[in-house]
Structure formats: structure tokens, C-alpha cells
Amino acid sequence: MTDATIPEPTQEQAALIARVRRMMLIAGLTSALAVAVVLIAVGYRFYRGEGSPAAATDITAALPKGARIVSTGIAGDRLVVTLDIGGATEIRTFDAKTLKPAGKLRFVSEP
């Protein structure tokens, strides 16, 4: 068997091969940078401090006797419930994500 010998590239061919290698290196680094940026963006959105939305939960809140709900609404990140309790108005606020009570505000008539 005879071994096939590969002739040495000419000066023009060597310059072309070097140019193609340099272009492939640039394209590879650009692709790696793009993948890194996408992974960083996904990681940031996944791990940032806001957390995920609350899962659907069943919560029962007890109202005082004779109380009725007058209105409900959302204010920022709070759920606002207005109650009528025996002629006195009360506003209760809850955290919209956890549904934990955030505060009460009572309105009573002056004597």
C-alpha cells in the first residue's frame, strides 16, 4: 500500500484557512455568549425575590354575627373587604398573595 501524502497548502490557502478558523472562533464565542445571556435571564426571572403566585387555596374567614360584606376590592398588593357590622363600618385588608390579614380599620359614630 502506498501512503497518500497531503501537499502543504500554499500561502494563499494557509491565509484562507486561518481566516476561516478566526471566523468560526468568533461565531462560536458569539453563540456561547448568547446562550449564557439567555440562561442568566431565565435564572434571574426564576430566582428574583417576588416569588411565584400563590397556589389556589381554600380559606374560610369568620365574620362577626350580623356582619355582611358591603364591598371588596384590590389596592396594590392588598385585598380590601368592607364590612357592615351592626351599623358600624369596618375595613379589613389581606395580603393578596398569602391571604393573611394585614389590618383592620373601624368606623364608629361619635356618642
PDB file of N, CA and C in Angstrom:
ATOM      1  N   MET A   1       0.826  -1.178   0.000  1.00  0.00           N
ATOM      2  CA  MET A   1       0.000   0.000   0.000  1.00  0.00           C
ATOM      3  C   MET A   1       0.867   1.237   0.000  1.00  0.00           C
ATOM      4  N   THR A   2       0.353   2.196  -0.655  1.00  0.00           N
ATOM      5  CA  THR A   2       1.079   3.457  -0.698  1.00  0.00           C
ATOM      6  C   THR A   2       0.357   4.469   0.174  1.00  0.00           C
ATOM      7  N   ASP A   3       1.095   5.222   0.900  1.00  0.00           N
ATOM      8  CA  ASP A   3       0.510   6.278   1.733  1.00  0.00           C
ATOM      9  C   ASP A   3       0.321   7.515   0.874  1.00  0.00           C
ATOM     10  N   ALA A   4      -0.906   8.062   0.963  1.00  0.00           N
ATOM     11  CA  ALA A   4      -1.174   9.291   0.218  1.00  0.00           C
ATOM     12  C   ALA A   4      -0.603  10.452   1.013  1.00  0.00           C
ATOM     13  N   THR A   5       0.129  11.244   0.359  1.00  0.00           N
ATOM     14  CA  THR A   5       0.705  12.399   1.032  1.00  0.00           C
ATOM     15  C   THR A   5      -0.142  13.625   0.722  1.00  0.00           C
ATOM     16  N   ILE A   6      -0.335  14.426   1.734  1.00  0.00           N
ATOM     17  CA  ILE A   6      -1.112  15.653   1.558  1.00  0.00           C
ATOM     18  C   ILE A   6      -0.113  16.772   1.317  1.00  0.00           C
ATOM     19  N   PRO A   7      -0.291  17.448   0.205  1.00  0.00           N
ATOM     20  CA  PRO A   7       0.676  18.520  -0.078  1.00  0.00           C
ATOM     21  C   PRO A   7       0.479  19.697   0.875  1.00  0.00           C
ATOM     22  N   GLU A   8       1.529  20.375   1.167  1.00  0.00           N
ATOM     23  CA  GLU A   8       1.470  21.557   2.019  1.00  0.00           C
ATOM     24  C   GLU A   8       0.649  22.635   1.318  1.00  0.00           C
ATOM     25  N   PRO A   9      -0.230  23.348   2.112  1.00  0.00           N
ATOM     26  CA  PRO A   9      -1.024  24.400   1.466  1.00  0.00           C
ATOM     27  C   PRO A   9      -0.127  25.556   1.036  1.00  0.00           C
ATOM     28  N   THR A  10      -0.601  26.202   0.011  1.00  0.00           N
ATOM     29  CA  THR A  10       0.137  27.382  -0.454  1.00  0.00           C
ATOM     30  C   THR A  10      -0.089  28.512   0.539  1.00  0.00           C
ATOM     31  N   GLN A  11       0.609  29.602   0.320  1.00  0.00           N
ATOM     32  CA  GLN A  11       0.499  30.738   1.227  1.00  0.00           C
ATOM     33  C   GLN A  11      -0.923  31.307   1.214  1.00  0.00           C
ATOM     34  N   GLU A  12      -1.558  31.356   0.052  1.00  0.00           N
ATOM     35  CA  GLU A  12      -2.932  31.865  -0.057  1.00  0.00           C
ATOM     36  C   GLU A  12      -3.910  30.925   0.648  1.00  0.00           C
ATOM     37  N   GLN A  13      -3.699  29.614   0.478  1.00  0.00           N
ATOM     38  CA  GLN A  13      -4.577  28.642   1.134  1.00  0.00           C
ATOM     39  C   GLN A  13      -4.417  28.708   2.659  1.00  0.00           C
ATOM     40  N   ALA A  14      -3.209  28.870   3.137  1.00  0.00           N
ATOM     41  CA  ALA A  14      -2.962  28.971   4.575  1.00  0.00           C
ATOM     42  C   ALA A  14      -3.634  30.215   5.151  1.00  0.00           C
ATOM     43  N   ALA A  15      -3.589  31.320   4.433  1.00  0.00           N
ATOM     44  CA  ALA A  15      -4.247  32.550   4.883  1.00  0.00           C
ATOM     45  C   ALA A  15      -5.758  32.355   4.914  1.00  0.00           C
ATOM     46  N   LEU A  16      -6.314  31.664   3.904  1.00  0.00           N
ATOM     47  CA  LEU A  16      -7.754  31.409   3.863  1.00  0.00           C
ATOM     48  C   LEU A  16      -8.174  30.498   5.021  1.00  0.00           C
ATOM     49  N   ILE A  17      -7.378  29.469   5.298  1.00  0.00           N
ATOM     50  CA  ILE A  17      -7.687  28.555   6.406  1.00  0.00           C
ATOM     51  C   ILE A  17      -7.635  29.312   7.734  1.00  0.00           C
ATOM     52  N   ALA A  18      -6.666  30.172   7.932  1.00  0.00           N
ATOM     53  CA  ALA A  18      -6.560  30.957   9.162  1.00  0.00           C
ATOM     54  C   ALA A  18      -7.761  31.898   9.308  1.00  0.00           C
ATOM     55  N   ARG A  19      -8.176  32.483   8.189  1.00  0.00           N
ATOM     56  CA  ARG A  19      -9.328  33.400   8.220  1.00  0.00           C
ATOM     57  C   ARG A  19     -10.617  32.651   8.579  1.00  0.00           C
ATOM     58  N   VAL A  20     -10.805  31.451   8.011  1.00  0.00           N
ATOM     59  CA  VAL A  20     -11.996  30.644   8.311  1.00  0.00           C
ATOM     60  C   VAL A  20     -11.982  30.224   9.781  1.00  0.00           C
ATOM     61  N   ARG A  21     -10.830  29.833  10.293  1.00  0.00           N
ATOM     62  CA  ARG A  21     -10.736  29.453  11.708  1.00  0.00           C
ATOM     63  C   ARG A  21     -11.087  30.635  12.614  1.00  0.00           C
ATOM     64  N   ARG A  22     -10.585  31.811  12.277  1.00  0.00           N
ATOM     65  CA  ARG A  22     -10.868  33.004  13.072  1.00  0.00           C
ATOM     66  C   ARG A  22     -12.368  33.337  13.034  1.00  0.00           C
ATOM     67  N   MET A  23     -13.003  33.202  11.874  1.00  0.00           N
ATOM     68  CA  MET A  23     -14.440  33.470  11.753  1.00  0.00           C
ATOM     69  C   MET A  23     -15.250  32.441  12.552  1.00  0.00           C
ATOM     70  N   MET A  24     -14.811  31.173  12.518  1.00  0.00           N
ATOM     71  CA  MET A  24     -15.506  30.133  13.290  1.00  0.00           C
ATOM     72  C   MET A  24     -15.354  30.381  14.788  1.00  0.00           C
ATOM     73  N   LEU A  25     -14.200  30.847  15.226  1.00  0.00           N
ATOM     74  CA  LEU A  25     -13.983  31.164  16.625  1.00  0.00           C
ATOM     75  C   LEU A  25     -14.893  32.308  17.070  1.00  0.00           C
ATOM     76  N   ILE A  26     -15.006  33.332  16.251  1.00  0.00           N
ATOM     77  CA  ILE A  26     -15.887  34.462  16.556  1.00  0.00           C
ATOM     78  C   ILE A  26     -17.345  33.989  16.629  1.00  0.00           C
ATOM     79  N   ALA A  27     -17.770  33.177  15.677  1.00  0.00           N
ATOM     80  CA  ALA A  27     -19.153  32.679  15.678  1.00  0.00           C
ATOM     81  C   ALA A  27     -19.411  31.793  16.900  1.00  0.00           C
ATOM     82  N   GLY A  28     -18.472  30.963  17.272  1.00  0.00           N
ATOM     83  CA  GLY A  28     -18.632  30.100  18.448  1.00  0.00           C
ATOM     84  C   GLY A  28     -18.717  30.902  19.732  1.00  0.00           C
ATOM     85  N   LEU A  29     -17.858  31.906  19.885  1.00  0.00           N
ATOM     86  CA  LEU A  29     -17.900  32.746  21.079  1.00  0.00           C
ATOM     87  C   LEU A  29     -19.199  33.551  21.148  1.00  0.00           C
ATOM     88  N   THR A  30     -19.665  34.045  20.010  1.00  0.00           N
ATOM     89  CA  THR A  30     -20.934  34.780  19.980  1.00  0.00           C
ATOM     90  C   THR A  30     -22.093  33.876  20.384  1.00  0.00           C
ATOM     91  N   SER A  31     -22.099  32.657  19.893  1.00  0.00           N
ATOM     92  CA  SER A  31     -23.163  31.705  20.259  1.00  0.00           C
ATOM     93  C   SER A  31     -23.113  31.375  21.740  1.00  0.00           C
ATOM     94  N   ALA A  32     -21.925  31.165  22.269  1.00  0.00           N
ATOM     95  CA  ALA A  32     -21.787  30.862  23.696  1.00  0.00           C
ATOM     96  C   ALA A  32     -22.243  32.042  24.543  1.00  0.00           C
ATOM     97  N   LEU A  33     -21.920  33.244  24.129  1.00  0.00           N
ATOM     98  CA  LEU A  33     -22.359  34.434  24.846  1.00  0.00           C
ATOM     99  C   LEU A  33     -23.879  34.564  24.808  1.00  0.00           C
ATOM    100  N   ALA A  34     -24.499  34.284  23.672  1.00  0.00           N
ATOM    101  CA  ALA A  34     -25.960  34.357  23.552  1.00  0.00           C
ATOM    102  C   ALA A  34     -26.632  33.328  24.466  1.00  0.00           C
ATOM    103  N   VAL A  35     -26.116  32.120  24.515  1.00  0.00           N
ATOM    104  CA  VAL A  35     -26.690  31.090  25.383  1.00  0.00           C
ATOM    105  C   VAL A  35     -26.531  31.499  26.847  1.00  0.00           C
ATOM    106  N   ALA A  36     -25.384  32.053  27.213  1.00  0.00           N
ATOM    107  CA  ALA A  36     -25.162  32.498  28.589  1.00  0.00           C
ATOM    108  C   ALA A  36     -26.131  33.606  28.981  1.00  0.00           C
ATOM    109  N   VAL A  37     -26.373  34.555  28.079  1.00  0.00           N
ATOM    110  CA  VAL A  37     -27.309  35.644  28.360  1.00  0.00           C
ATOM    111  C   VAL A  37     -28.717  35.099  28.571  1.00  0.00           C
ATOM    112  N   VAL A  38     -29.140  34.160  27.748  1.00  0.00           N
ATOM    113  CA  VAL A  38     -30.477  33.565  27.903  1.00  0.00           C
ATOM    114  C   VAL A  38     -30.581  32.827  29.228  1.00  0.00           C
ATOM    115  N   LEU A  39     -29.572  32.052  29.600  1.00  0.00           N
ATOM    116  CA  LEU A  39     -29.602  31.324  30.869  1.00  0.00           C
ATOM    117  C   LEU A  39     -29.613  32.272  32.064  1.00  0.00           C
ATOM    118  N   ILE A  40     -28.869  33.353  31.982  1.00  0.00           N
ATOM    119  CA  ILE A  40     -28.861  34.341  33.062  1.00  0.00           C
ATOM    120  C   ILE A  40     -30.231  35.004  33.181  1.00  0.00           C
ATOM    121  N   ALA A  41     -30.851  35.355  32.057  1.00  0.00           N
ATOM    122  CA  ALA A  41     -32.176  35.982  32.086  1.00  0.00           C
ATOM    123  C   ALA A  41     -33.219  35.042  32.678  1.00  0.00           C
ATOM    124  N   VAL A  42     -33.177  33.788  32.293  1.00  0.00           N
ATOM    125  CA  VAL A  42     -34.131  32.816  32.830  1.00  0.00           C
ATOM    126  C   VAL A  42     -33.877  32.620  34.327  1.00  0.00           C
ATOM    127  N   GLY A  43     -32.635  32.492  34.727  1.00  0.00           N
ATOM    128  CA  GLY A  43     -32.312  32.339  36.142  1.00  0.00           C
ATOM    129  C   GLY A  43     -32.741  33.543  36.963  1.00  0.00           C
ATOM    130  N   TYR A  44     -32.540  34.734  36.437  1.00  0.00           N
ATOM    131  CA  TYR A  44     -32.957  35.953  37.142  1.00  0.00           C
ATOM    132  C   TYR A  44     -34.463  35.970  37.340  1.00  0.00           C
ATOM    133  N   ARG A  45     -35.210  35.668  36.300  1.00  0.00           N
ATOM    134  CA  ARG A  45     -36.673  35.685  36.408  1.00  0.00           C
ATOM    135  C   ARG A  45     -37.172  34.587  37.333  1.00  0.00           C
ATOM    136  N   PHE A  46     -36.472  33.483  37.392  1.00  0.00           N
ATOM    137  CA  PHE A  46     -36.889  32.363  38.222  1.00  0.00           C
ATOM    138  C   PHE A  46     -36.584  32.599  39.698  1.00  0.00           C
ATOM    139  N   TYR A  47     -35.437  33.204  39.993  1.00  0.00           N
ATOM    140  CA  TYR A  47     -34.988  33.334  41.371  1.00  0.00           C
ATOM    141  C   TYR A  47     -35.157  34.720  41.979  1.00  0.00           C
ATOM    142  N   ARG A  48     -35.734  35.678  41.283  1.00  0.00           N
ATOM    143  CA  ARG A  48     -35.853  37.004  41.881  1.00  0.00           C
ATOM    144  C   ARG A  48     -36.823  36.964  43.054  1.00  0.00           C
ATOM    145  N   GLY A  49     -36.779  37.980  43.912  1.00  0.00           N
ATOM    146  CA  GLY A  49     -37.451  37.957  45.199  1.00  0.00           C
ATOM    147  C   GLY A  49     -38.961  37.981  45.190  1.00  0.00           C
ATOM    148  N   GLU A  50     -39.607  38.202  44.084  1.00  0.00           N
ATOM    149  CA  GLU A  50     -41.062  38.314  44.088  1.00  0.00           C
ATOM    150  C   GLU A  50     -41.745  36.996  44.368  1.00  0.00           C
ATOM    151  N   GLY A  51     -41.137  35.907  44.075  1.00  0.00           N
ATOM    152  CA  GLY A  51     -41.741  34.605  44.329  1.00  0.00           C
ATOM    153  C   GLY A  51     -42.771  34.273  43.264  1.00  0.00           C
ATOM    154  N   SER A  52     -43.364  33.134  43.429  1.00  0.00           N
ATOM    155  CA  SER A  52     -44.362  32.708  42.462  1.00  0.00           C
ATOM    156  C   SER A  52     -45.747  33.060  42.978  1.00  0.00           C
ATOM    157  N   PRO A  53     -46.711  33.126  42.075  1.00  0.00           N
ATOM    158  CA  PRO A  53     -48.062  33.418  42.514  1.00  0.00           C
ATOM    159  C   PRO A  53     -48.565  32.351  43.480  1.00  0.00           C
ATOM    160  N   ALA A  54     -49.422  32.765  44.380  1.00  0.00           N
ATOM    161  CA  ALA A  54     -49.942  31.829  45.372  1.00  0.00           C
ATOM    162  C   ALA A  54     -50.813  30.780  44.692  1.00  0.00           C
ATOM    163  N   ALA A  55     -50.670  29.571  45.161  1.00  0.00           N
ATOM    164  CA  ALA A  55     -51.486  28.490  44.625  1.00  0.00           C
ATOM    165  C   ALA A  55     -52.916  28.669  45.115  1.00  0.00           C
ATOM    166  N   ALA A  56     -53.840  28.093  44.392  1.00  0.00           N
ATOM    167  CA  ALA A  56     -55.241  28.186  44.782  1.00  0.00           C
ATOM    168  C   ALA A  56     -55.428  27.505  46.131  1.00  0.00           C
ATOM    169  N   THR A  57     -55.902  28.261  47.101  1.00  0.00           N
ATOM    170  CA  THR A  57     -56.107  27.716  48.432  1.00  0.00           C
ATOM    171  C   THR A  57     -57.526  28.010  48.875  1.00  0.00           C
ATOM    172  N   ASP A  58     -58.048  27.151  49.711  1.00  0.00           N
ATOM    173  CA  ASP A  58     -59.367  27.354  50.288  1.00  0.00           C
ATOM    174  C   ASP A  58     -59.190  27.894  51.693  1.00  0.00           C
ATOM    175  N   ILE A  59     -59.676  29.110  51.913  1.00  0.00           N
ATOM    176  CA  ILE A  59     -59.563  29.748  53.213  1.00  0.00           C
ATOM    177  C   ILE A  59     -60.953  30.185  53.641  1.00  0.00           C
ATOM    178  N   THR A  60     -61.280  29.949  54.891  1.00  0.00           N
ATOM    179  CA  THR A  60     -62.558  30.376  55.436  1.00  0.00           C
ATOM    180  C   THR A  60     -62.284  31.444  56.486  1.00  0.00           C
ATOM    181  N   ALA A  61     -62.854  32.623  56.278  1.00  0.00           N
ATOM    182  CA  ALA A  61     -62.718  33.707  57.237  1.00  0.00           C
ATOM    183  C   ALA A  61     -64.033  33.849  57.982  1.00  0.00           C
ATOM    184  N   ALA A  62     -63.958  33.886  59.299  1.00  0.00           N
ATOM    185  CA  ALA A  62     -65.170  34.018  60.115  1.00  0.00           C
ATOM    186  C   ALA A  62     -65.516  35.488  60.287  1.00  0.00           C
ATOM    187  N   LEU A  63     -66.779  35.818  60.062  1.00  0.00           N
ATOM    188  CA  LEU A  63     -67.274  37.179  60.267  1.00  0.00           C
ATOM    189  C   LEU A  63     -68.036  37.232  61.580  1.00  0.00           C
ATOM    190  N   PRO A  64     -68.044  38.386  62.215  1.00  0.00           N
ATOM    191  CA  PRO A  64     -68.839  38.521  63.436  1.00  0.00           C
ATOM    192  C   PRO A  64     -70.332  38.318  63.123  1.00  0.00           C
ATOM    193  N   LYS A  65     -71.103  37.958  64.155  1.00  0.00           N
ATOM    194  CA  LYS A  65     -72.540  37.754  63.965  1.00  0.00           C
ATOM    195  C   LYS A  65     -73.178  39.041  63.464  1.00  0.00           C
ATOM    196  N   GLY A  66     -74.060  38.898  62.493  1.00  0.00           N
ATOM    197  CA  GLY A  66     -74.784  40.043  61.956  1.00  0.00           C
ATOM    198  C   GLY A  66     -73.986  40.866  60.960  1.00  0.00           C
ATOM    199  N   ALA A  67     -72.771  40.464  60.660  1.00  0.00           N
ATOM    200  CA  ALA A  67     -71.949  41.223  59.716  1.00  0.00           C
ATOM    201  C   ALA A  67     -72.294  40.811  58.291  1.00  0.00           C
ATOM    202  N   ARG A  68     -72.156  41.777  57.388  1.00  0.00           N
ATOM    203  CA  ARG A  68     -72.347  41.463  55.970  1.00  0.00           C
ATOM    204  C   ARG A  68     -71.273  42.191  55.171  1.00  0.00           C
ATOM    205  N   ILE A  69     -70.888  41.595  54.077  1.00  0.00           N
ATOM    206  CA  ILE A  69     -69.863  42.174  53.213  1.00  0.00           C
ATOM    207  C   ILE A  69     -70.527  43.220  52.334  1.00  0.00           C
ATOM    208  N   VAL A  70     -70.018  44.452  52.405  1.00  0.00           N
ATOM    209  CA  VAL A  70     -70.561  45.549  51.612  1.00  0.00           C
ATOM    210  C   VAL A  70     -69.854  45.616  50.263  1.00  0.00           C
ATOM    211  N   SER A  71     -68.526  45.506  50.265  1.00  0.00           N
ATOM    212  CA  SER A  71     -67.782  45.559  49.005  1.00  0.00           C
ATOM    213  C   SER A  71     -66.418  44.901  49.187  1.00  0.00           C
ATOM    214  N   THR A  72     -65.808  44.589  48.067  1.00  0.00           N
ATOM    215  CA  THR A  72     -64.445  44.063  48.038  1.00  0.00           C
ATOM    216  C   THR A  72     -63.678  44.792  46.955  1.00  0.00           C
ATOM    217  N   GLY A  73     -62.370  44.793  47.065  1.00  0.00           N
ATOM    218  CA  GLY A  73     -61.547  45.443  46.044  1.00  0.00           C
ATOM    219  C   GLY A  73     -60.086  45.094  46.231  1.00  0.00           C
ATOM    220  N   ILE A  74     -59.292  45.531  45.278  1.00  0.00           N
ATOM    221  CA  ILE A  74     -57.846  45.319  45.306  1.00  0.00           C
ATOM    222  C   ILE A  74     -57.184  46.688  45.357  1.00  0.00           C
ATOM    223  N   ALA A  75     -56.228  46.855  46.252  1.00  0.00           N
ATOM    224  CA  ALA A  75     -55.454  48.094  46.357  1.00  0.00           C
ATOM    225  C   ALA A  75     -53.980  47.711  46.429  1.00  0.00           C
ATOM    226  N   GLY A  76     -53.279  47.832  45.315  1.00  0.00           N
ATOM    227  CA  GLY A  76     -51.868  47.433  45.281  1.00  0.00           C
ATOM    228  C   GLY A  76     -51.753  45.935  45.467  1.00  0.00           C
ATOM    229  N   ASP A  77     -51.053  45.516  46.499  1.00  0.00           N
ATOM    230  CA  ASP A  77     -50.912  44.083  46.781  1.00  0.00           C
ATOM    231  C   ASP A  77     -51.786  43.663  47.959  1.00  0.00           C
ATOM    232  N   ARG A  78     -52.876  44.379  48.167  1.00  0.00           N
ATOM    233  CA  ARG A  78     -53.803  44.087  49.260  1.00  0.00           C
ATOM    234  C   ARG A  78     -55.203  43.808  48.730  1.00  0.00           C
ATOM    235  N   LEU A  79     -55.883  42.900  49.412  1.00  0.00           N
ATOM    236  CA  LEU A  79     -57.296  42.623  49.172  1.00  0.00           C
ATOM    237  C   LEU A  79     -58.054  43.376  50.253  1.00  0.00           C
ATOM    238  N   VAL A  80     -59.025  44.205  49.863  1.00  0.00           N
ATOM    239  CA  VAL A  80     -59.757  45.054  50.800  1.00  0.00           C
ATOM    240  C   VAL A  80     -61.203  44.585  50.848  1.00  0.00           C
ATOM    241  N   VAL A  81     -61.686  44.315  52.071  1.00  0.00           N
ATOM    242  CA  VAL A  81     -63.062  43.881  52.278  1.00  0.00           C
ATOM    243  C   VAL A  81     -63.729  44.883  53.219  1.00  0.00           C
ATOM    244  N   THR A  82     -64.852  45.444  52.781  1.00  0.00           N
ATOM    245  CA  THR A  82     -65.607  46.379  53.612  1.00  0.00           C
ATOM    246  C   THR A  82     -66.795  45.640  54.209  1.00  0.00           C
ATOM    247  N   LEU A  83     -66.932  45.728  55.550  1.00  0.00           N
ATOM    248  CA  LEU A  83     -67.991  45.016  56.270  1.00  0.00           C
ATOM    249  C   LEU A  83     -68.928  46.012  56.947  1.00  0.00           C
ATOM    250  N   ASP A  84     -70.172  45.618  57.075  1.00  0.00           N
ATOM    251  CA  ASP A  84     -71.141  46.354  57.879  1.00  0.00           C
ATOM    252  C   ASP A  84     -71.460  45.469  59.073  1.00  0.00           C
ATOM    253  N   ILE A  85     -71.048  45.913  60.259  1.00  0.00           N
ATOM    254  CA  ILE A  85     -71.230  45.105  61.467  1.00  0.00           C
ATOM    255  C   ILE A  85     -72.164  45.879  62.406  1.00  0.00           C
ATOM    256  N   GLY A  86     -73.442  45.550  62.360  1.00  0.00           N
ATOM    257  CA  GLY A  86     -74.426  46.190  63.243  1.00  0.00           C
ATOM    258  C   GLY A  86     -74.451  47.701  63.113  1.00  0.00           C
ATOM    259  N   GLY A  87     -74.352  48.230  61.916  1.00  0.00           N
ATOM    260  CA  GLY A  87     -74.399  49.675  61.693  1.00  0.00           C
ATOM    261  C   GLY A  87     -73.034  50.343  61.689  1.00  0.00           C
ATOM    262  N   ALA A  88     -71.995  49.677  62.116  1.00  0.00           N
ATOM    263  CA  ALA A  88     -70.634  50.223  62.092  1.00  0.00           C
ATOM    264  C   ALA A  88     -69.909  49.651  60.879  1.00  0.00           C
ATOM    265  N   THR A  89     -69.115  50.472  60.249  1.00  0.00           N
ATOM    266  CA  THR A  89     -68.369  50.041  59.065  1.00  0.00           C
ATOM    267  C   THR A  89     -66.955  49.648  59.479  1.00  0.00           C
ATOM    268  N   GLU A  90     -66.485  48.553  58.923  1.00  0.00           N
ATOM    269  CA  GLU A  90     -65.131  48.075  59.200  1.00  0.00           C
ATOM    270  C   GLU A  90     -64.488  47.677  57.885  1.00  0.00           C
ATOM    271  N   ILE A  91     -63.224  48.043  57.731  1.00  0.00           N
ATOM    272  CA  ILE A  91     -62.455  47.657  56.539  1.00  0.00           C
ATOM    273  C   ILE A  91     -61.360  46.707  56.985  1.00  0.00           C
ATOM    274  N   ARG A  92     -61.315  45.548  56.376  1.00  0.00           N
ATOM    275  CA  ARG A  92     -60.261  44.570  56.659  1.00  0.00           C
ATOM    276  C   ARG A  92     -59.419  44.403  55.412  1.00  0.00           C
ATOM    277  N   THR A  93     -58.105  44.370  55.607  1.00  0.00           N
ATOM    278  CA  THR A  93     -57.194  44.184  54.480  1.00  0.00           C
ATOM    279  C   THR A  93     -56.426  42.879  54.660  1.00  0.00           C
ATOM    280  N   PHE A  94     -56.140  42.256  53.531  1.00  0.00           N
ATOM    281  CA  PHE A  94     -55.424  40.985  53.499  1.00  0.00           C
ATOM    282  C   PHE A  94     -54.331  41.078  52.450  1.00  0.00           C
ATOM    283  N   ASP A  95     -53.209  40.375  52.677  1.00  0.00           N
ATOM    284  CA  ASP A  95     -52.163  40.288  51.676  1.00  0.00           C
ATOM    285  C   ASP A  95     -52.697  39.469  50.506  1.00  0.00           C
ATOM    286  N   ALA A  96     -52.585  39.999  49.293  1.00  0.00           N
ATOM    287  CA  ALA A  96     -53.187  39.341  48.126  1.00  0.00           C
ATOM    288  C   ALA A  96     -52.509  38.017  47.784  1.00  0.00           C
ATOM    289  N   LYS A  97     -51.234  37.858  48.097  1.00  0.00           N
ATOM    290  CA  LYS A  97     -50.534  36.616  47.745  1.00  0.00           C
ATOM    291  C   LYS A  97     -50.754  35.516  48.768  1.00  0.00           C
ATOM    292  N   THR A  98     -50.697  35.874  50.059  1.00  0.00           N
ATOM    293  CA  THR A  98     -50.799  34.852  51.100  1.00  0.00           C
ATOM    294  C   THR A  98     -52.176  34.787  51.741  1.00  0.00           C
ATOM    295  N   LEU A  99     -52.980  35.800  51.537  1.00  0.00           N
ATOM    296  CA  LEU A  99     -54.311  35.944  52.126  1.00  0.00           C
ATOM    297  C   LEU A  99     -54.276  36.016  53.647  1.00  0.00           C
ATOM    298  N   LYS A 100     -53.158  36.438  54.210  1.00  0.00           N
ATOM    299  CA  LYS A 100     -53.063  36.642  55.649  1.00  0.00           C
ATOM    300  C   LYS A 100     -53.594  38.038  55.984  1.00  0.00           C
ATOM    301  N   PRO A 101     -54.266  38.189  57.128  1.00  0.00           N
ATOM    302  CA  PRO A 101     -54.778  39.511  57.499  1.00  0.00           C
ATOM    303  C   PRO A 101     -53.656  40.527  57.630  1.00  0.00           C
ATOM    304  N   ALA A 102     -53.886  41.735  57.081  1.00  0.00           N
ATOM    305  CA  ALA A 102     -52.887  42.792  57.127  1.00  0.00           C
ATOM    306  C   ALA A 102     -53.314  43.930  58.051  1.00  0.00           C
ATOM    307  N   GLY A 103     -54.607  44.078  58.307  1.00  0.00           N
ATOM    308  CA  GLY A 103     -55.036  45.137  59.208  1.00  0.00           C
ATOM    309  C   GLY A 103     -56.540  45.317  59.219  1.00  0.00           C
ATOM    310  N   LYS A 104     -57.001  46.099  60.211  1.00  0.00           N
ATOM    311  CA  LYS A 104     -58.426  46.421  60.365  1.00  0.00           C
ATOM    312  C   LYS A 104     -58.554  47.915  60.566  1.00  0.00           C
ATOM    313  N   LEU A 105     -59.637  48.480  60.068  1.00  0.00           N
ATOM    314  CA  LEU A 105     -59.953  49.879  60.285  1.00  0.00           C
ATOM    315  C   LEU A 105     -61.445  49.955  60.589  1.00  0.00           C
ATOM    316  N   ARG A 106     -61.778  50.453  61.796  1.00  0.00           N
ATOM    317  CA  ARG A 106     -63.182  50.518  62.211  1.00  0.00           C
ATOM    318  C   ARG A 106     -63.651  51.958  62.188  1.00  0.00           C
ATOM    319  N   PHE A 107     -64.865  52.149  61.726  1.00  0.00           N
ATOM    320  CA  PHE A 107     -65.521  53.448  61.743  1.00  0.00           C
ATOM    321  C   PHE A 107     -66.743  53.330  62.642  1.00  0.00           C
ATOM    322  N   VAL A 108     -66.806  54.161  63.682  1.00  0.00           N
ATOM    323  CA  VAL A 108     -67.961  54.166  64.588  1.00  0.00           C
ATOM    324  C   VAL A 108     -68.465  55.598  64.707  1.00  0.00           C
ATOM    325  N   SER A 109     -69.740  55.715  65.016  1.00  0.00           N
ATOM    326  CA  SER A 109     -70.327  57.039  65.203  1.00  0.00           C
ATOM    327  C   SER A 109     -69.939  57.573  66.573  1.00  0.00           C
ATOM    328  N   GLU A 110     -69.729  58.884  66.657  1.00  0.00           N
ATOM    329  CA  GLU A 110     -69.412  59.509  67.939  1.00  0.00           C
ATOM    330  C   GLU A 110     -70.653  59.497  68.818  1.00  0.00           C
ATOM    331  N   PRO A 111     -70.483  59.337  70.125  1.00  0.00           N
ATOM    332  CA  PRO A 111     -71.658  59.318  71.010  1.00  0.00           C
ATOM    333  C   PRO A 111     -72.270  60.686  71.193  1.00  0.00           C
TER     334      PRO A 111
END
